[in-house]
Protein backbone atom coordinates (compact mmCIF):
# COMPACT_ATOMS: atom_id res chain seq x y z
CA MET A 1 0.54 -13.10 -8.03
CA ARG A 2 3.28 -12.82 -5.41
CA VAL A 3 2.56 -10.76 -2.30
CA MET A 4 5.53 -8.58 -1.29
CA ASP A 5 6.56 -8.68 2.34
CA THR A 6 6.32 -5.39 4.19
CA ARG A 7 10.05 -4.61 3.92
CA GLU A 8 9.97 -5.02 0.13
CA LEU A 9 6.74 -3.01 -0.11
CA VAL A 10 8.31 -0.13 1.87
CA LEU A 11 11.57 -0.16 -0.09
CA SER A 12 9.75 -0.26 -3.45
CA ALA A 13 7.55 2.75 -2.71
CA ASP A 14 8.27 6.30 -3.83
CA LEU A 15 5.38 7.57 -1.70
CA ILE A 16 3.81 6.04 1.41
CA ALA A 17 0.79 8.00 2.61
CA ARG A 18 -2.50 7.98 4.37
CA VAL A 19 -5.03 9.15 1.78
CA ARG A 20 -8.70 9.67 1.03
CA VAL A 21 -9.95 8.88 -2.46
CA ARG A 22 -11.31 12.15 -3.83
CA SER A 23 -12.46 10.88 -7.24
CA THR A 24 -12.11 8.10 -9.78
CA LYS A 25 -12.55 8.04 -13.53
CA ASN A 26 -12.77 5.04 -15.84
CA ILE A 27 -10.26 5.39 -18.66
CA ARG A 28 -9.22 3.57 -21.82
CA ASN A 29 -5.55 2.77 -21.46
CA PRO A 30 -3.78 -0.43 -22.54
CA MET A 31 -2.36 -0.92 -19.04
CA TYR A 32 -4.97 0.62 -16.69
CA GLY A 33 -8.73 1.08 -16.54
CA GLN A 34 -9.01 3.74 -13.85
CA LEU A 35 -7.46 7.04 -12.85
CA ALA A 36 -7.88 7.93 -9.17
CA THR A 37 -7.20 11.24 -7.48
CA LEU A 38 -6.12 10.80 -3.88
CA GLU A 39 -6.14 13.54 -1.27
CA ILE A 40 -3.10 13.12 0.97
CA ILE A 41 -3.88 13.24 4.67
CA GLU A 42 -0.39 12.35 5.91
CA VAL A 43 2.87 11.52 4.15
CA ILE A 44 4.98 8.85 5.86
CA TYR A 45 7.61 8.70 3.11
CA GLY A 46 7.97 10.91 0.08
CA ASP A 47 7.46 14.58 -0.70
CA PRO A 48 5.72 16.08 2.38
CA ARG A 49 4.54 19.11 0.35
CA ARG A 50 2.34 16.95 -1.86
CA GLN A 51 -1.38 17.46 -1.14
CA GLU A 52 -2.83 15.13 -3.76
CA VAL A 53 -1.66 12.44 -6.11
CA ARG A 54 -3.08 10.90 -9.28
CA VAL A 55 -2.83 7.13 -9.51
CA TRP A 56 -3.20 4.70 -12.40
CA ALA A 57 -5.41 1.84 -11.18
CA MET A 58 -7.36 -1.23 -12.33
CA SER A 59 -4.26 -2.68 -13.89
CA THR A 60 -4.71 -5.08 -16.79
CA THR A 61 -2.11 -7.34 -15.13
CA TYR A 62 -3.54 -10.80 -14.59
CA CYS A 63 -5.30 -11.13 -11.19
CA ALA A 64 -4.69 -7.48 -10.19
CA ARG A 65 -7.56 -5.85 -8.30
CA ASP A 66 -6.08 -2.43 -7.61
CA ALA A 67 -9.26 -0.37 -7.75
CA TYR A 68 -10.16 2.73 -5.75
CA ALA A 69 -13.61 4.00 -4.73
CA PRO A 70 -14.52 7.57 -3.78
CA GLN A 71 -14.33 8.44 -0.06
CA GLN A 72 -12.27 5.36 0.87
CA GLU A 73 -9.56 6.15 3.38
CA MET A 74 -6.41 4.09 2.86
CA LEU A 75 -2.76 3.61 3.61
CA VAL A 76 -1.10 3.32 0.20
CA PHE A 77 2.32 2.41 -1.13
CA LEU A 78 2.82 4.11 -4.50
CA ALA A 79 5.54 4.04 -7.15
CA ARG A 80 6.12 6.48 -9.99
CA ASP A 81 4.67 5.39 -13.32
CA GLN A 82 5.52 7.88 -16.07
CA THR A 83 3.95 11.15 -14.93
CA LEU A 84 1.59 9.63 -12.36
CA PHE A 85 1.83 6.82 -9.78
CA HIS A 86 0.61 3.24 -9.50
CA THR A 87 -0.02 1.05 -6.47
CA VAL A 88 3.02 -1.03 -5.53
CA ASN A 89 2.14 -4.74 -5.67
CA TRP A 90 -1.34 -3.90 -7.01
CA GLN A 91 -4.08 -4.44 -4.39
CA TYR A 92 -1.49 -5.67 -1.87
CA GLY A 93 -0.06 -2.15 -1.67
CA GLN A 94 -3.28 -0.56 -0.43
CA PHE A 95 -4.78 -1.02 3.02
CA LEU A 96 -8.26 0.21 3.90
CA MET A 97 -8.55 2.28 7.05
CA SER A 98 -11.39 2.66 9.49
CA GLY A 99 -10.85 5.66 11.74
CA GLU A 100 -7.38 5.24 13.25
CA THR A 101 -7.19 1.52 12.38
CA VAL A 102 -5.42 -0.02 9.39
CA GLU A 103 -7.58 -2.98 8.39
CA GLU A 104 -5.87 -6.30 7.59
CA TRP A 105 -2.27 -5.13 8.13
CA ARG A 106 0.03 -8.06 7.24
CA GLY A 107 2.89 -7.04 9.48
CA ARG A 108 6.60 -6.70 9.07
CA SER A 109 7.29 -9.97 7.22
CA GLY A 110 3.91 -10.53 5.59
CA GLU A 111 2.86 -12.17 8.83
CA VAL A 112 -0.53 -11.97 10.45
CA ALA A 113 -0.37 -10.49 13.93
CA ASP A 114 -2.56 -12.48 16.28
CA GLY A 115 -2.32 -11.06 19.78
CA GLY A 116 1.15 -12.15 20.87
CA ALA A 117 1.37 -15.06 18.41
CA THR A 118 2.32 -14.75 14.77
CA THR A 119 1.44 -17.04 11.87
CA MET A 120 2.20 -16.91 8.17
CA ALA A 121 -0.79 -15.76 6.16
CA ALA A 122 0.49 -15.67 2.61
CA GLY A 123 1.21 -19.36 2.05
CA ALA A 124 -2.06 -21.03 2.95
CA SER A 125 -4.42 -18.33 1.73
CA GLU A 126 -2.66 -17.86 -1.63
CA ARG A 127 -3.04 -21.58 -2.36
CA ARG A 128 -6.82 -21.20 -2.05
CA GLY A 129 -6.77 -18.21 -4.40
CA GLU A 130 -7.67 -15.78 -1.62
CA PRO A 131 -5.68 -12.68 -0.76
CA PRO A 132 -3.68 -12.91 2.46
CA ARG A 133 -5.58 -11.57 5.45
CA GLY A 134 -4.00 -9.51 8.14
CA GLN A 135 -5.22 -8.13 11.43
CA PRO A 136 -6.46 -4.67 12.35
CA ARG A 137 -3.66 -2.52 13.78
CA SER A 138 -3.59 1.07 14.90
CA PHE A 139 -2.28 3.54 12.34
CA ALA A 140 0.30 4.77 14.89
CA GLU A 141 1.76 1.23 15.24
CA VAL A 142 1.81 0.66 11.49
CA LYS A 143 3.43 4.05 10.88
CA GLN A 144 6.12 3.29 13.48
CA GLU A 145 6.79 -0.09 11.84
CA ILE A 146 7.21 1.59 8.43
CA LEU A 147 9.49 4.28 9.86
CA THR A 148 11.61 1.59 11.56
CA LEU A 149 11.99 -0.28 8.26
CA LEU A 150 12.97 2.96 6.49
CA GLU A 151 15.55 3.75 9.18
CA GLU A 152 17.01 0.23 8.98
CA ALA A 153 17.28 0.60 5.19
CA ARG A 154 18.97 3.99 5.59
CA GLN A 155 21.49 2.55 8.02
CA ASN A 156 22.20 -0.37 5.69
CA GLY A 157 22.66 1.95 2.71
CA LYS A 158 19.57 0.61 0.90
CA ALA A 159 17.35 3.65 1.32
CA ARG A 160 16.06 5.61 -1.65
CA ARG A 161 15.53 9.34 -1.75
CA PRO A 162 11.88 10.42 -1.83
């Protein structure tokens, strides 16, 4: 499974939001095994009036691990899927949060921030079958990075309307 870089993740999303998982339900669907209801805490991109969103999860796509658990707080990148949404790039489009910290943020180019230094995470870790690991970053920094990418896309004429 290919991990999208942050720019591609941002540009593929119809909704980017900080959320709390309100509930989950196991379902029988040929493409998904779970339906999650997410309470929106803050919309970064998309319809700011939206207060909750329903998301198809537990995709039957090979190697996907896009599951949600009640009370998790996350930063999610979602795309429309029929009448609901799904997680962009499966589990690589959801980032757990702890307080005001986004856990394992991969950075602007799928890179792992390491103090002042930067190293590529995706290459080596994917070869071992492990998901790429990022570094904890403050939500404010991550949000600013996403907004910068959206503004660059708008200026380059590649932005999509929420």
